[in-house]
Amino acid sequence: MSKVFIVSKRQIQLFIVVAALIILTGVYLSWNQSREVNAQPSEARVFKLVTGEYTMTTADGKELDVYRWDPGTIIVNKGELTELQISGVNGSSHPFTIEGLGITGEVIQGKTTVVRFTADKKGTYPIQCMTHTDMRHGGPMVGYIVVQ
Protein backbone atom coordinates (compact mmCIF):
# COMPACT_ATOMS: atom_id res chain seq x y z
CA MET A 1 0.00 0.00 0.00
CA SER A 2 1.38 3.38 -0.92
CA LYS A 3 0.94 6.51 1.05
CA VAL A 4 -0.35 9.59 -0.64
CA PHE A 5 0.49 13.06 0.55
CA ILE A 6 -1.79 15.84 -0.33
CA VAL A 7 -0.11 19.24 -0.44
CA SER A 8 -2.21 22.31 -0.54
CA LYS A 9 -1.45 25.45 -2.51
CA ARG A 10 -0.96 27.31 0.78
CA GLN A 11 1.73 24.84 1.92
CA ILE A 12 3.64 25.25 -1.35
CA GLN A 13 3.58 29.03 -0.98
CA LEU A 14 4.79 28.75 2.61
CA PHE A 15 7.63 26.42 1.53
CA ILE A 16 8.75 28.88 -1.19
CA VAL A 17 8.73 31.82 1.24
CA VAL A 18 10.75 29.90 3.85
CA ALA A 19 13.29 28.72 1.22
CA ALA A 20 13.67 32.27 -0.10
CA LEU A 21 14.27 33.61 3.42
CA ILE A 22 16.92 30.98 4.08
CA ILE A 23 18.72 31.79 0.82
CA LEU A 24 18.56 35.57 1.39
CA THR A 25 19.85 35.17 4.96
CA GLY A 26 22.80 33.11 3.69
CA VAL A 27 23.65 35.70 1.05
CA TYR A 28 23.36 38.56 3.55
CA LEU A 29 25.62 36.86 6.10
CA SER A 30 28.28 35.94 3.54
CA TRP A 31 28.33 39.35 1.82
CA ASN A 32 31.31 41.42 2.95
CA GLN A 33 30.09 44.99 2.87
CA SER A 34 32.94 46.50 4.84
CA ARG A 35 35.28 48.98 3.10
CA GLU A 36 38.41 50.67 4.30
CA VAL A 37 38.05 54.38 4.71
CA ASN A 38 41.02 56.60 3.79
CA ALA A 39 42.99 53.52 2.74
CA GLN A 40 46.28 54.04 0.96
CA PRO A 41 46.23 52.78 -2.62
CA SER A 42 48.49 49.80 -3.23
CA GLU A 43 49.75 51.32 -6.47
CA ALA A 44 51.38 54.68 -6.99
CA ARG A 45 49.56 57.51 -8.73
CA VAL A 46 51.60 58.11 -11.87
CA PHE A 47 52.38 61.48 -13.45
CA LYS A 48 54.15 61.70 -16.79
CA LEU A 49 56.35 64.76 -17.30
CA VAL A 50 58.62 65.81 -20.15
CA THR A 51 61.42 68.29 -20.55
CA GLY A 52 60.52 70.98 -23.07
CA GLU A 53 62.50 73.61 -24.96
CA TYR A 54 61.01 76.74 -26.42
CA THR A 55 62.87 79.08 -28.72
CA MET A 56 61.91 82.69 -29.32
CA THR A 57 63.39 85.84 -30.73
CA THR A 58 63.42 88.95 -28.57
CA ALA A 59 62.57 92.45 -29.85
CA ASP A 60 66.26 93.20 -30.38
CA GLY A 61 66.69 90.07 -32.57
CA LYS A 62 68.40 87.90 -29.98
CA GLU A 63 67.39 84.21 -30.03
CA LEU A 64 66.41 82.86 -26.63
CA ASP A 65 66.05 79.18 -25.61
CA VAL A 66 63.95 78.46 -22.55
CA TYR A 67 63.49 75.08 -20.87
CA ARG A 68 60.58 73.87 -18.72
CA TRP A 69 58.95 70.86 -17.13
CA ASP A 70 55.65 69.95 -18.74
CA PRO A 71 53.20 69.94 -17.07
CA GLY A 72 54.55 72.74 -14.94
CA THR A 73 52.45 71.90 -11.88
CA ILE A 74 51.09 68.62 -10.54
CA ILE A 75 48.77 68.18 -7.56
CA VAL A 76 49.02 65.19 -5.21
CA ASN A 77 47.37 64.28 -1.93
CA LYS A 78 49.23 64.20 1.36
CA GLY A 79 50.28 60.63 2.14
CA GLU A 80 49.69 59.46 -1.43
CA LEU A 81 52.31 57.23 -3.06
CA THR A 82 53.35 59.19 -6.15
CA GLU A 83 55.46 58.25 -9.14
CA LEU A 84 56.93 60.77 -11.56
CA GLN A 85 57.96 59.41 -14.95
CA ILE A 86 60.06 62.20 -16.44
CA SER A 87 61.04 61.77 -20.10
CA GLY A 88 63.97 63.69 -21.56
CA VAL A 89 62.69 65.20 -24.81
CA ASN A 90 64.77 68.36 -25.16
CA GLY A 91 68.18 69.17 -23.72
CA SER A 92 70.87 66.55 -23.20
CA SER A 93 70.80 66.48 -19.39
CA HIS A 94 68.67 67.96 -16.63
CA PRO A 95 70.01 67.23 -13.14
CA PHE A 96 67.28 68.23 -10.72
CA THR A 97 66.29 68.53 -7.09
CA ILE A 98 62.86 68.61 -5.48
CA GLU A 99 63.25 71.04 -2.61
CA GLY A 100 61.61 69.99 0.63
CA LEU A 101 61.26 66.33 -0.37
CA GLY A 102 64.97 65.51 -0.36
CA ILE A 103 64.88 64.13 -3.91
CA THR A 104 67.63 64.53 -6.52
CA GLY A 105 67.99 62.92 -9.93
CA GLU A 106 68.84 63.46 -13.55
CA VAL A 107 66.80 63.33 -16.75
CA ILE A 108 68.73 62.30 -19.86
CA GLN A 109 67.48 63.01 -23.38
CA GLY A 110 65.77 59.94 -24.87
CA LYS A 111 65.35 58.24 -21.48
CA THR A 112 62.75 58.23 -18.72
CA THR A 113 63.70 58.84 -15.10
CA VAL A 114 61.32 57.39 -12.49
CA VAL A 115 60.98 59.03 -9.07
CA ARG A 116 58.73 57.61 -6.32
CA PHE A 117 57.83 59.39 -3.11
CA THR A 118 55.15 59.93 -0.51
CA ALA A 119 54.77 63.52 0.62
CA ASP A 120 53.80 63.58 4.30
CA LYS A 121 53.42 67.35 4.59
CA LYS A 122 51.14 69.76 2.72
CA GLY A 123 52.81 72.50 0.71
CA THR A 124 54.32 73.47 -2.62
CA TYR A 125 57.60 71.83 -3.58
CA PRO A 126 59.64 73.17 -6.53
CA ILE A 127 61.33 70.77 -8.93
CA GLN A 128 64.37 72.77 -10.07
CA CYS A 129 66.74 71.89 -12.91
CA MET A 130 70.29 72.56 -11.74
CA THR A 131 71.54 73.28 -15.29
CA HIS A 132 68.91 75.86 -16.21
CA THR A 133 68.79 78.02 -13.10
CA ASP A 134 68.47 81.50 -14.61
CA MET A 135 67.88 83.38 -17.88
CA ARG A 136 71.56 83.14 -18.89
CA HIS A 137 71.20 79.35 -18.85
CA GLY A 138 67.75 78.98 -20.50
CA GLY A 139 65.84 79.04 -17.25
CA PRO A 140 64.71 79.09 -14.66
CA MET A 141 63.49 75.57 -15.40
CA VAL A 142 61.18 75.04 -12.46
CA GLY A 143 57.97 73.13 -11.92
CA TYR A 144 55.83 72.64 -8.83
CA ILE A 145 54.45 69.70 -6.89
CA VAL A 146 51.48 70.86 -4.81
CA VAL A 147 50.61 68.57 -1.90
CA GLN A 148 47.05 69.00 -0.60
C-alpha atoms as a PDB file:
ATOM      1  CA  MET A   1       0.000   0.000   0.000  1.00  0.00           C
ATOM      2  CA  SER A   2       1.376   3.378  -0.924  1.00  0.00           C
ATOM      3  CA  LYS A   3       0.941   6.513   1.051  1.00  0.00           C
ATOM      4  CA  VAL A   4      -0.355   9.589  -0.644  1.00  0.00           C
ATOM      5  CA  PHE A   5       0.491  13.058   0.553  1.00  0.00           C
ATOM      6  CA  ILE A   6      -1.789  15.844  -0.328  1.00  0.00           C
ATOM      7  CA  VAL A   7      -0.107  19.242  -0.443  1.00  0.00           C
ATOM      8  CA  SER A   8      -2.207  22.313  -0.543  1.00  0.00           C
ATOM      9  CA  LYS A   9      -1.448  25.454  -2.507  1.00  0.00           C
ATOM     10  CA  ARG A  10      -0.962  27.306   0.780  1.00  0.00           C
ATOM     11  CA  GLN A  11       1.727  24.839   1.917  1.00  0.00           C
ATOM     12  CA  ILE A  12       3.644  25.250  -1.349  1.00  0.00           C
ATOM     13  CA  GLN A  13       3.583  29.031  -0.976  1.00  0.00           C
ATOM     14  CA  LEU A  14       4.794  28.751   2.614  1.00  0.00           C
ATOM     15  CA  PHE A  15       7.630  26.421   1.534  1.00  0.00           C
ATOM     16  CA  ILE A  16       8.753  28.885  -1.194  1.00  0.00           C
ATOM     17  CA  VAL A  17       8.730  31.822   1.241  1.00  0.00           C
ATOM     18  CA  VAL A  18      10.754  29.903   3.854  1.00  0.00           C
ATOM     19  CA  ALA A  19      13.292  28.721   1.215  1.00  0.00           C
ATOM     20  CA  ALA A  20      13.671  32.271  -0.101  1.00  0.00           C
ATOM     21  CA  LEU A  21      14.268  33.611   3.421  1.00  0.00           C
ATOM     22  CA  ILE A  22      16.922  30.982   4.084  1.00  0.00           C
ATOM     23  CA  ILE A  23      18.717  31.791   0.818  1.00  0.00           C
ATOM     24  CA  LEU A  24      18.562  35.573   1.388  1.00  0.00           C
ATOM     25  CA  THR A  25      19.847  35.171   4.964  1.00  0.00           C
ATOM     26  CA  GLY A  26      22.802  33.110   3.694  1.00  0.00           C
ATOM     27  CA  VAL A  27      23.648  35.695   1.047  1.00  0.00           C
ATOM     28  CA  TYR A  28      23.365  38.557   3.550  1.00  0.00           C
ATOM     29  CA  LEU A  29      25.620  36.857   6.099  1.00  0.00           C
ATOM     30  CA  SER A  30      28.281  35.939   3.538  1.00  0.00           C
ATOM     31  CA  TRP A  31      28.326  39.355   1.820  1.00  0.00           C
ATOM     32  CA  ASN A  32      31.309  41.416   2.946  1.00  0.00           C
ATOM     33  CA  GLN A  33      30.087  44.985   2.868  1.00  0.00           C
ATOM     34  CA  SER A  34      32.941  46.503   4.840  1.00  0.00           C
ATOM     35  CA  ARG A  35      35.279  48.976   3.101  1.00  0.00           C
ATOM     36  CA  GLU A  36      38.409  50.665   4.303  1.00  0.00           C
ATOM     37  CA  VAL A  37      38.051  54.383   4.715  1.00  0.00           C
ATOM     38  CA  ASN A  38      41.017  56.595   3.786  1.00  0.00           C
ATOM     39  CA  ALA A  39      42.993  53.523   2.738  1.00  0.00           C
ATOM     40  CA  GLN A  40      46.284  54.037   0.955  1.00  0.00           C
ATOM     41  CA  PRO A  41      46.231  52.775  -2.620  1.00  0.00           C
ATOM     42  CA  SER A  42      48.488  49.796  -3.234  1.00  0.00           C
ATOM     43  CA  GLU A  43      49.754  51.323  -6.466  1.00  0.00           C
ATOM     44  CA  ALA A  44      51.376  54.685  -6.987  1.00  0.00           C
ATOM     45  CA  ARG A  45      49.561  57.510  -8.728  1.00  0.00           C
ATOM     46  CA  VAL A  46      51.603  58.106 -11.871  1.00  0.00           C
ATOM     47  CA  PHE A  47      52.383  61.478 -13.455  1.00  0.00           C
ATOM     48  CA  LYS A  48      54.155  61.701 -16.795  1.00  0.00           C
ATOM     49  CA  LEU A  49      56.353  64.763 -17.301  1.00  0.00           C
ATOM     50  CA  VAL A  50      58.622  65.812 -20.149  1.00  0.00           C
ATOM     51  CA  THR A  51      61.423  68.287 -20.551  1.00  0.00           C
ATOM     52  CA  GLY A  52      60.522  70.975 -23.072  1.00  0.00           C
ATOM     53  CA  GLU A  53      62.499  73.606 -24.956  1.00  0.00           C
ATOM     54  CA  TYR A  54      61.007  76.740 -26.415  1.00  0.00           C
ATOM     55  CA  THR A  55      62.874  79.075 -28.723  1.00  0.00           C
ATOM     56  CA  MET A  56      61.909  82.691 -29.323  1.00  0.00           C
ATOM     57  CA  THR A  57      63.392  85.836 -30.732  1.00  0.00           C
ATOM     58  CA  THR A  58      63.421  88.949 -28.565  1.00  0.00           C
ATOM     59  CA  ALA A  59      62.569  92.445 -29.846  1.00  0.00           C
ATOM     60  CA  ASP A  60      66.262  93.203 -30.376  1.00  0.00           C
ATOM     61  CA  GLY A  61      66.687  90.074 -32.568  1.00  0.00           C
ATOM     62  CA  LYS A  62      68.396  87.901 -29.982  1.00  0.00           C
ATOM     63  CA  GLU A  63      67.388  84.207 -30.026  1.00  0.00           C
ATOM     64  CA  LEU A  64      66.409  82.856 -26.630  1.00  0.00           C
ATOM     65  CA  ASP A  65      66.048  79.179 -25.607  1.00  0.00           C
ATOM     66  CA  VAL A  66      63.948  78.456 -22.552  1.00  0.00           C
ATOM     67  CA  TYR A  67      63.487  75.081 -20.872  1.00  0.00           C
ATOM     68  CA  ARG A  68      60.583  73.875 -18.724  1.00  0.00           C
ATOM     69  CA  TRP A  69      58.947  70.857 -17.130  1.00  0.00           C
ATOM     70  CA  ASP A  70      55.645  69.955 -18.738  1.00  0.00           C
ATOM     71  CA  PRO A  71      53.198  69.936 -17.074  1.00  0.00           C
ATOM     72  CA  GLY A  72      54.553  72.743 -14.942  1.00  0.00           C
ATOM     73  CA  THR A  73      52.450  71.896 -11.879  1.00  0.00           C
ATOM     74  CA  ILE A  74      51.087  68.615 -10.541  1.00  0.00           C
ATOM     75  CA  ILE A  75      48.773  68.177  -7.561  1.00  0.00           C
ATOM     76  CA  VAL A  76      49.017  65.186  -5.206  1.00  0.00           C
ATOM     77  CA  ASN A  77      47.372  64.279  -1.930  1.00  0.00           C
ATOM     78  CA  LYS A  78      49.225  64.198   1.357  1.00  0.00           C
ATOM     79  CA  GLY A  79      50.284  60.626   2.142  1.00  0.00           C
ATOM     80  CA  GLU A  80      49.688  59.462  -1.430  1.00  0.00           C
ATOM     81  CA  LEU A  81      52.305  57.227  -3.055  1.00  0.00           C
ATOM     82  CA  THR A  82      53.355  59.191  -6.146  1.00  0.00           C
ATOM     83  CA  GLU A  83      55.462  58.252  -9.137  1.00  0.00           C
ATOM     84  CA  LEU A  84      56.933  60.766 -11.565  1.00  0.00           C
ATOM     85  CA  GLN A  85      57.956  59.407 -14.955  1.00  0.00           C
ATOM     86  CA  ILE A  86      60.060  62.203 -16.438  1.00  0.00           C
ATOM     87  CA  SER A  87      61.040  61.772 -20.095  1.00  0.00           C
ATOM     88  CA  GLY A  88      63.965  63.691 -21.560  1.00  0.00           C
ATOM     89  CA  VAL A  89      62.689  65.196 -24.815  1.00  0.00           C
ATOM     90  CA  ASN A  90      64.775  68.356 -25.159  1.00  0.00           C
ATOM     91  CA  GLY A  91      68.184  69.169 -23.717  1.00  0.00           C
ATOM     92  CA  SER A  92      70.875  66.546 -23.203  1.00  0.00           C
ATOM     93  CA  SER A  93      70.802  66.483 -19.387  1.00  0.00           C
ATOM     94  CA  HIS A  94      68.668  67.963 -16.634  1.00  0.00           C
ATOM     95  CA  PRO A  95      70.015  67.226 -13.137  1.00  0.00           C
ATOM     96  CA  PHE A  96      67.278  68.228 -10.716  1.00  0.00           C
ATOM     97  CA  THR A  97      66.291  68.530  -7.090  1.00  0.00           C
ATOM     98  CA  ILE A  98      62.861  68.608  -5.480  1.00  0.00           C
ATOM     99  CA  GLU A  99      63.251  71.041  -2.612  1.00  0.00           C
ATOM    100  CA  GLY A 100      61.613  69.988   0.630  1.00  0.00           C
ATOM    101  CA  LEU A 101      61.263  66.334  -0.372  1.00  0.00           C
ATOM    102  CA  GLY A 102      64.971  65.509  -0.360  1.00  0.00           C
ATOM    103  CA  ILE A 103      64.884  64.126  -3.910  1.00  0.00           C
ATOM    104  CA  THR A 104      67.626  64.531  -6.517  1.00  0.00           C
ATOM    105  CA  GLY A 105      67.987  62.921  -9.934  1.00  0.00           C
ATOM    106  CA  GLU A 106      68.838  63.464 -13.553  1.00  0.00           C
ATOM    107  CA  VAL A 107      66.801  63.326 -16.750  1.00  0.00           C
ATOM    108  CA  ILE A 108      68.734  62.304 -19.859  1.00  0.00           C
ATOM    109  CA  GLN A 109      67.480  63.007 -23.385  1.00  0.00           C
ATOM    110  CA  GLY A 110      65.770  59.943 -24.867  1.00  0.00           C
ATOM    111  CA  LYS A 111      65.350  58.241 -21.480  1.00  0.00           C
ATOM    112  CA  THR A 112      62.751  58.225 -18.720  1.00  0.00           C
ATOM    113  CA  THR A 113      63.695  58.838 -15.102  1.00  0.00           C
ATOM    114  CA  VAL A 114      61.321  57.392 -12.485  1.00  0.00           C
ATOM    115  CA  VAL A 115      60.980  59.029  -9.070  1.00  0.00           C
ATOM    116  CA  ARG A 116      58.729  57.607  -6.317  1.00  0.00           C
ATOM    117  CA  PHE A 117      57.831  59.395  -3.109  1.00  0.00           C
ATOM    118  CA  THR A 118      55.153  59.928  -0.508  1.00  0.00           C
ATOM    119  CA  ALA A 119      54.767  63.520   0.621  1.00  0.00           C
ATOM    120  CA  ASP A 120      53.801  63.578   4.299  1.00  0.00           C
ATOM    121  CA  LYS A 121      53.420  67.348   4.588  1.00  0.00           C
ATOM    122  CA  LYS A 122      51.144  69.763   2.721  1.00  0.00           C
ATOM    123  CA  GLY A 123      52.813  72.504   0.710  1.00  0.00           C
ATOM    124  CA  THR A 124      54.320  73.467  -2.623  1.00  0.00           C
ATOM    125  CA  TYR A 125      57.597  71.830  -3.576  1.00  0.00           C
ATOM    126  CA  PRO A 126      59.637  73.170  -6.530  1.00  0.00           C
ATOM    127  CA  ILE A 127      61.327  70.775  -8.932  1.00  0.00           C
ATOM    128  CA  GLN A 128      64.366  72.765 -10.069  1.00  0.00           C
ATOM    129  CA  CYS A 129      66.737  71.892 -12.910  1.00  0.00           C
ATOM    130  CA  MET A 130      70.291  72.564 -11.741  1.00  0.00           C
ATOM    131  CA  THR A 131      71.543  73.280 -15.294  1.00  0.00           C
ATOM    132  CA  HIS A 132      68.905  75.856 -16.213  1.00  0.00           C
ATOM    133  CA  THR A 133      68.786  78.020 -13.103  1.00  0.00           C
ATOM    134  CA  ASP A 134      68.468  81.505 -14.613  1.00  0.00           C
ATOM    135  CA  MET A 135      67.882  83.384 -17.883  1.00  0.00           C
ATOM    136  CA  ARG A 136      71.563  83.141 -18.886  1.00  0.00           C
ATOM    137  CA  HIS A 137      71.195  79.351 -18.847  1.00  0.00           C
ATOM    138  CA  GLY A 138      67.754  78.983 -20.501  1.00  0.00           C
ATOM    139  CA  GLY A 139      65.841  79.043 -17.249  1.00  0.00           C
ATOM    140  CA  PRO A 140      64.714  79.090 -14.663  1.00  0.00           C
ATOM    141  CA  MET A 141      63.495  75.574 -15.398  1.00  0.00           C
ATOM    142  CA  VAL A 142      61.182  75.044 -12.459  1.00  0.00           C
ATOM    143  CA  GLY A 143      57.969  73.126 -11.916  1.00  0.00           C
ATOM    144  CA  TYR A 144      55.832  72.640  -8.833  1.00  0.00           C
ATOM    145  CA  ILE A 145      54.450  69.702  -6.893  1.00  0.00           C
ATOM    146  CA  VAL A 146      51.483  70.862  -4.813  1.00  0.00           C
ATOM    147  CA  VAL A 147      50.605  68.572  -1.900  1.00  0.00           C
ATOM    148  CA  GLN A 148      47.052  68.999  -0.595  1.00  0.00           C
END
